[in-house]
Amino acid sequence: MGACPGAQEEEQGRPFIGDAGTHLAAMVRIINAISPAKFPSEDRDDYTLLNAHPLPRYKPIYIGQPTEFHP
């Protein structure tokens, strides 16, 4: 479970993008190696990942129309 989505997560529509995703993938591989009966896959996409908070903490800057997003 993550804290909340950031700008990269919002843009790509997936949780744990960038460094967080790299670290998560490494952690899942380690957990799989330690306990393969409980964590049978080393692929992070085989597990349900979610953020604890539905709203991002970053503050997008809106220029022009309110629907235009500029991170």
Foldseek 3Di string as FASTA:
>chain_A
DAAEDAPVCVVVVHPQPDPRVVVVLVVLLVVCVVCCVVRVDSGPVVDDDDHPDHDYPDDWDDDDDPVDTDD
